[in-house]
Amino acid sequence: MDFPVSGVEISPLIPPLTALAISFFTSMAGVSGAFLLLPFQVSVLGFSSPAVSPTNLFYNIVGIPGGVYRYIREGRMVWPLACVIVAGNLPGLLIGVWLRVVFLPDPAAFRFFVGCVLLYVGGRLFYDILGRGRNSGDRLPTIDSSSPSRIETRSLSARAFTYSFQGEVFSFNPAGLFALSLVVGVVGGTYGIGGGAIIAPILVAVFHLPVYTIAGATLFSTFLSSIIGVLFYTVAAPIWAPADLAVAPDWLLGLLFGVGGLVGTYLGARFQKFFPGRTVKIILAVCLLIIAGRYVVSFFL
């Protein structure tokens, strides 16, 4: 099958199956899987123009609702957490899109940028797994079916939001999280991932929140950020971009990826409670560092 916007020619079964396999595991950690689909599109499919970023964001729009629905249904959506992330992410996302179109249209520079982002995320995950796992989100290695598994709000203020889950109490500073989300929005908008792949491991490793409670919020924020990102790439980005530079998404390719992601994120959210949080993070960290190493090394060769 030929995709004229991206110039890709591939079987229509490969995008949804690839997205399903990736999103099944990544959605358990609150990540859509876009951070792995992007290098797949660039390196395997040869889709390296700026249009790959909004295509990746469109995948999020189609694929994420399956996981979000499941987390809401199970009572594991922390709405205040999601709202703070969205509030910081959206303005940062617009800045990131502008940087991508104006300063990073060259594929070589883009790959190097992607590699640096993934190196940071992968290193952060390994730091949590090897160095601080016992003090962070790994306090709840599995969900105890004998305890309430729904999230309950304890208190909410400008200084702290506190909630309980499985008999444990957790809290975070909304102002600090807003500032972090703003920076992540810039990086996520430039990379075309919505920021969930960056902020999810930080919530676990730095804010010490369990992965079982942040997954729904980070997926939801990525979903909303991706909508804004696609609109911006489609409407505003062509104003800045050269006439011969493709910046609009490949809608059909993104849709096929999204269909697979829709099923994968739902199944990942459904089976998350049967997987130890540390196992999910190890899988993510290994994938991230392999891809990042390849991109960074190839830039200098």
Protein backbone atom coordinates (compact mmCIF):
# COMPACT_ATOMS: atom_id res chain seq x y z
CA MET A 1 0.00 0.00 0.00
CA ASP A 2 1.30 3.47 -0.90
CA PHE A 3 1.10 6.47 1.43
CA PRO A 4 1.73 9.53 -0.77
CA VAL A 5 2.15 12.11 2.02
CA SER A 6 4.97 10.25 3.74
CA GLY A 7 6.25 8.42 0.65
CA VAL A 8 5.99 5.11 2.53
CA GLU A 9 5.03 1.90 0.73
CA ILE A 10 4.16 -0.94 3.12
CA SER A 11 1.50 -3.54 3.91
CA PRO A 12 -1.48 -1.92 5.69
CA LEU A 13 -1.25 -4.61 8.40
CA ILE A 14 2.23 -3.64 9.61
CA PRO A 15 1.39 -0.21 11.16
CA PRO A 16 -1.52 -1.40 13.36
CA LEU A 17 0.24 -4.60 14.44
CA THR A 18 3.41 -2.71 15.30
CA ALA A 19 1.47 -0.11 17.28
CA LEU A 20 -0.54 -2.78 19.09
CA ALA A 21 2.58 -4.63 20.24
CA ILE A 22 4.34 -1.46 21.40
CA SER A 23 1.39 0.24 23.08
CA PHE A 24 0.39 -2.90 25.00
CA PHE A 25 3.53 -2.63 27.14
CA THR A 26 4.09 1.12 27.16
CA SER A 27 0.53 2.01 28.16
CA MET A 28 1.11 0.12 31.42
CA ALA A 29 3.55 2.88 32.34
CA GLY A 30 1.30 5.69 31.16
CA VAL A 31 3.05 6.10 27.81
CA SER A 32 1.32 5.83 24.44
CA GLY A 33 4.27 4.26 22.63
CA ALA A 34 4.73 7.20 20.24
CA PHE A 35 8.33 7.56 21.38
CA LEU A 36 9.07 4.12 19.88
CA LEU A 37 6.85 4.50 16.83
CA LEU A 38 8.67 7.65 15.75
CA PRO A 39 12.09 5.98 15.29
CA PHE A 40 10.28 3.07 13.62
CA GLN A 41 8.81 5.49 11.08
CA VAL A 42 12.10 7.32 10.57
CA SER A 43 14.51 4.38 10.43
CA VAL A 44 12.37 1.50 9.14
CA LEU A 45 9.78 3.27 6.98
CA GLY A 46 12.06 6.11 5.87
CA PHE A 47 9.57 8.81 6.92
CA SER A 48 11.93 11.57 8.08
CA SER A 49 10.31 14.89 7.07
CA PRO A 50 8.81 17.15 9.78
CA ALA A 51 5.43 15.63 8.88
CA VAL A 52 6.41 12.55 10.90
CA SER A 53 5.88 14.51 14.14
CA PRO A 54 2.19 15.41 13.59
CA THR A 55 1.60 11.90 12.21
CA ASN A 56 2.91 10.57 15.51
CA LEU A 57 0.66 12.96 17.40
CA PHE A 58 -2.34 11.84 15.34
CA TYR A 59 -1.55 8.26 16.36
CA ASN A 60 -1.92 9.40 19.98
CA ILE A 61 -5.34 10.92 19.29
CA VAL A 62 -6.69 7.68 17.84
CA GLY A 63 -4.85 5.21 20.05
CA ILE A 64 -4.89 6.67 23.56
CA PRO A 65 -8.67 6.68 24.31
CA GLY A 66 -8.67 2.90 24.75
CA GLY A 67 -6.27 3.07 27.69
CA VAL A 68 -7.83 6.22 29.18
CA TYR A 69 -11.27 4.59 29.16
CA ARG A 70 -9.94 1.55 30.98
CA TYR A 71 -8.16 3.55 33.70
CA ILE A 72 -11.28 5.68 34.28
CA ARG A 73 -13.44 2.57 34.47
CA GLU A 74 -11.15 1.05 37.13
CA GLY A 75 -11.12 4.26 39.21
CA ARG A 76 -7.42 4.86 38.66
CA MET A 77 -7.55 8.27 37.00
CA VAL A 78 -6.02 11.08 39.12
CA TRP A 79 -7.81 14.06 37.57
CA PRO A 80 -5.92 16.84 39.45
CA LEU A 81 -2.65 15.30 38.30
CA ALA A 82 -3.88 15.18 34.71
CA CYS A 83 -5.10 18.80 34.82
CA VAL A 84 -1.79 20.19 36.13
CA ILE A 85 0.19 18.31 33.47
CA VAL A 86 -2.12 19.56 30.72
CA ALA A 87 -1.93 23.17 31.97
CA GLY A 88 1.86 23.16 31.67
CA ASN A 89 2.11 20.94 28.62
CA LEU A 90 -0.04 22.89 26.18
CA PRO A 91 1.91 26.19 26.04
CA GLY A 92 5.19 24.29 26.00
CA LEU A 93 3.91 22.13 23.17
CA LEU A 94 3.28 25.15 20.94
CA ILE A 95 6.83 26.38 21.53
CA GLY A 96 8.17 22.92 20.71
CA VAL A 97 6.27 22.73 17.43
CA TRP A 98 7.71 26.10 16.39
CA LEU A 99 11.25 24.93 17.23
CA ARG A 100 10.75 21.72 15.23
CA VAL A 101 9.57 23.49 12.08
CA VAL A 102 11.97 26.46 12.16
CA PHE A 103 15.20 25.02 13.59
CA LEU A 104 15.04 21.23 13.22
CA PRO A 105 13.84 20.41 9.68
CA ASP A 106 17.04 18.50 8.83
CA PRO A 107 16.63 14.74 9.52
CA ALA A 108 20.20 14.32 10.81
CA ALA A 109 19.83 17.05 13.42
CA PHE A 110 16.37 15.74 14.30
CA ARG A 111 17.69 12.23 14.92
CA PHE A 112 20.43 13.58 17.16
CA PHE A 113 17.86 15.56 19.12
CA VAL A 114 15.66 12.48 19.47
CA GLY A 115 18.65 10.44 20.64
CA CYS A 116 19.50 12.95 23.35
CA VAL A 117 15.91 13.02 24.62
CA LEU A 118 15.72 9.23 24.74
CA LEU A 119 19.10 8.96 26.48
CA TYR A 120 17.81 11.16 29.26
CA VAL A 121 14.54 9.27 29.64
CA GLY A 122 16.24 5.88 29.57
CA GLY A 123 18.88 6.98 32.06
CA ARG A 124 16.18 8.32 34.35
CA LEU A 125 14.36 5.00 34.25
CA PHE A 126 17.49 3.00 35.04
CA TYR A 127 18.32 5.40 37.87
CA ASP A 128 14.95 4.67 39.37
CA ILE A 129 15.22 0.91 38.84
CA LEU A 130 18.77 0.49 40.16
CA GLY A 131 19.20 3.39 42.52
CA ARG A 132 15.90 4.48 44.03
CA GLY A 133 13.39 1.78 43.20
CA ARG A 134 12.66 0.99 46.82
CA ASN A 135 11.76 4.59 47.57
CA SER A 136 9.71 5.43 44.51
CA GLY A 137 6.81 3.89 42.66
CA ASP A 138 7.95 0.35 43.45
CA ARG A 139 6.36 0.53 46.90
CA LEU A 140 3.44 -1.19 45.21
CA PRO A 141 5.02 -3.98 43.12
CA THR A 142 1.63 -5.49 42.36
CA ILE A 143 -1.97 -4.50 43.02
CA ASP A 144 -3.44 -6.25 46.05
CA SER A 145 -6.91 -7.47 45.09
CA SER A 146 -7.92 -7.59 48.78
CA SER A 147 -7.47 -3.79 49.17
CA PRO A 148 -9.46 -0.97 47.51
CA SER A 149 -7.93 -0.30 44.11
CA ARG A 150 -9.73 2.98 43.43
CA ILE A 151 -7.98 6.32 44.02
CA GLU A 152 -9.40 8.47 46.82
CA THR A 153 -8.65 12.21 47.22
CA ARG A 154 -7.44 13.27 50.69
CA SER A 155 -6.72 17.00 50.21
CA LEU A 156 -6.22 19.51 47.41
CA SER A 157 -4.50 22.91 47.64
CA ALA A 158 -2.04 25.10 45.73
CA ARG A 159 0.82 23.60 47.73
CA ALA A 160 -0.03 19.93 47.68
CA PHE A 161 -2.47 17.35 46.37
CA THR A 162 -2.78 14.22 48.48
CA TYR A 163 -4.51 10.99 47.58
CA SER A 164 -4.62 7.39 48.77
CA PHE A 165 -4.34 4.12 46.88
CA GLN A 166 -4.18 0.56 48.20
CA GLY A 167 -3.76 1.84 51.78
CA GLU A 168 -0.80 4.10 50.88
CA VAL A 169 -0.86 7.92 50.84
CA PHE A 170 0.85 9.92 48.06
CA SER A 171 1.19 13.63 47.31
CA PHE A 172 2.78 16.08 44.87
CA ASN A 173 3.35 19.83 44.58
CA PRO A 174 1.12 21.27 41.79
CA ALA A 175 3.36 24.31 41.16
CA GLY A 176 6.50 22.20 40.76
CA LEU A 177 4.71 19.77 38.48
CA PHE A 178 3.37 22.64 36.37
CA ALA A 179 6.89 24.00 35.79
CA LEU A 180 8.15 20.55 34.87
CA SER A 181 5.23 19.99 32.50
CA LEU A 182 5.99 23.26 30.72
CA VAL A 183 9.55 22.14 29.95
CA VAL A 184 8.38 18.67 28.98
CA GLY A 185 5.80 20.24 26.66
CA VAL A 186 8.55 22.02 24.75
CA VAL A 187 10.54 18.82 24.32
CA GLY A 188 7.46 16.74 23.57
CA GLY A 189 6.17 19.18 20.96
CA THR A 190 9.52 19.19 19.19
CA TYR A 191 9.80 15.41 19.32
CA GLY A 192 6.16 14.75 18.39
CA ILE A 193 5.26 12.52 21.33
CA GLY A 194 3.04 14.68 23.54
CA GLY A 195 5.50 14.48 26.45
CA GLY A 196 4.11 11.40 28.21
CA ALA A 197 7.25 9.33 27.59
CA ILE A 198 9.28 11.97 29.42
CA ILE A 199 7.04 12.95 32.30
CA ALA A 200 5.79 9.47 33.26
CA PRO A 201 9.18 8.15 34.48
CA ILE A 202 9.84 11.47 36.26
CA LEU A 203 6.57 11.19 38.17
CA VAL A 204 7.65 7.77 39.36
CA ALA A 205 11.35 8.47 40.02
CA VAL A 206 11.27 12.09 41.24
CA PHE A 207 7.75 12.62 42.60
CA HIS A 208 7.63 9.09 44.03
CA LEU A 209 4.15 8.32 42.69
CA PRO A 210 3.21 4.69 41.90
CA VAL A 211 2.99 3.79 38.24
CA TYR A 212 -0.48 2.32 38.81
CA THR A 213 -1.86 5.79 39.65
CA ILE A 214 -0.04 8.02 37.15
CA ALA A 215 -0.59 5.98 33.99
CA GLY A 216 -4.12 7.21 33.29
CA ALA A 217 -3.25 10.86 33.95
CA THR A 218 -0.20 10.90 31.69
CA LEU A 219 -2.08 9.16 28.88
CA PHE A 220 -4.94 11.66 29.17
CA SER A 221 -2.59 14.66 29.12
CA THR A 222 -0.77 13.22 26.12
CA PHE A 223 -4.11 12.81 24.34
CA LEU A 224 -5.09 16.46 24.80
CA SER A 225 -1.60 17.73 23.98
CA SER A 226 -1.60 15.69 20.79
CA ILE A 227 -4.88 17.26 19.63
CA ILE A 228 -3.39 20.75 20.02
CA GLY A 229 -0.16 19.64 18.37
CA VAL A 230 -1.91 18.23 15.29
CA LEU A 231 -4.03 21.36 14.90
CA PHE A 232 -0.97 23.55 15.19
CA TYR A 233 1.04 21.55 12.65
CA THR A 234 -1.89 21.52 10.24
CA VAL A 235 -2.97 25.17 10.51
CA ALA A 236 -0.06 27.29 11.75
CA ALA A 237 3.12 25.40 10.90
CA PRO A 238 2.82 25.85 7.08
CA ILE A 239 3.13 29.61 7.62
CA TRP A 240 6.69 29.20 8.90
CA ALA A 241 7.78 26.21 6.85
CA PRO A 242 9.28 26.46 3.34
CA ALA A 243 6.82 25.73 0.51
CA ASP A 244 8.52 22.45 -0.38
CA LEU A 245 8.63 21.13 3.20
CA ALA A 246 5.87 18.70 4.29
CA VAL A 247 4.59 19.51 7.78
CA ALA A 248 0.99 18.22 7.69
CA PRO A 249 0.41 14.68 9.04
CA ASP A 250 0.01 11.57 6.94
CA TRP A 251 -3.57 11.00 8.09
CA LEU A 252 -3.97 7.47 6.72
CA LEU A 253 -0.70 6.18 8.13
CA GLY A 254 -1.43 7.80 11.48
CA LEU A 255 -4.91 6.26 11.50
CA LEU A 256 -3.56 2.75 10.90
CA PHE A 257 -1.05 3.18 13.71
CA GLY A 258 -3.83 4.57 15.89
CA VAL A 259 -6.16 1.62 15.37
CA GLY A 260 -3.48 -0.71 16.66
CA GLY A 261 -2.75 1.66 19.51
CA LEU A 262 -6.42 1.82 20.48
CA VAL A 263 -6.49 -1.92 21.06
CA GLY A 264 -3.01 -2.03 22.58
CA THR A 265 -3.55 0.74 25.15
CA TYR A 266 -6.85 -0.78 26.27
CA LEU A 267 -5.29 -4.21 26.75
CA GLY A 268 -2.22 -2.72 28.42
CA ALA A 269 -4.37 -0.81 30.92
CA ARG A 270 -6.49 -3.92 31.47
CA PHE A 271 -3.53 -6.18 32.28
CA GLN A 272 -1.28 -3.61 33.99
CA LYS A 273 -2.22 -4.78 37.48
CA PHE A 274 -0.80 -8.24 36.73
CA PHE A 275 2.68 -6.87 35.93
CA PRO A 276 5.19 -5.60 38.53
CA GLY A 277 5.98 -1.94 37.92
CA ARG A 278 9.72 -2.66 37.87
CA THR A 279 9.30 -5.13 34.99
CA VAL A 280 7.52 -2.56 32.84
CA LYS A 281 10.18 0.06 33.52
CA ILE A 282 13.02 -2.29 32.63
CA ILE A 283 11.45 -3.05 29.25
CA LEU A 284 10.99 0.65 28.56
CA ALA A 285 14.50 1.60 29.64
CA VAL A 286 16.19 -1.04 27.48
CA CYS A 287 14.22 -0.04 24.39
CA LEU A 288 14.91 3.63 24.95
CA LEU A 289 18.66 3.29 25.39
CA ILE A 290 19.08 1.02 22.36
CA ILE A 291 17.29 3.48 20.09
CA ALA A 292 18.99 6.51 21.63
CA GLY A 293 22.44 4.98 21.27
CA ARG A 294 21.84 4.25 17.61
CA TYR A 295 20.67 7.78 16.84
CA VAL A 296 23.46 9.56 18.71
CA VAL A 297 26.23 7.36 17.30
CA SER A 298 24.91 7.62 13.73
CA PHE A 299 25.01 11.42 13.94
CA PHE A 300 28.82 11.36 14.35
CA LEU A 301 29.51 8.66 11.72
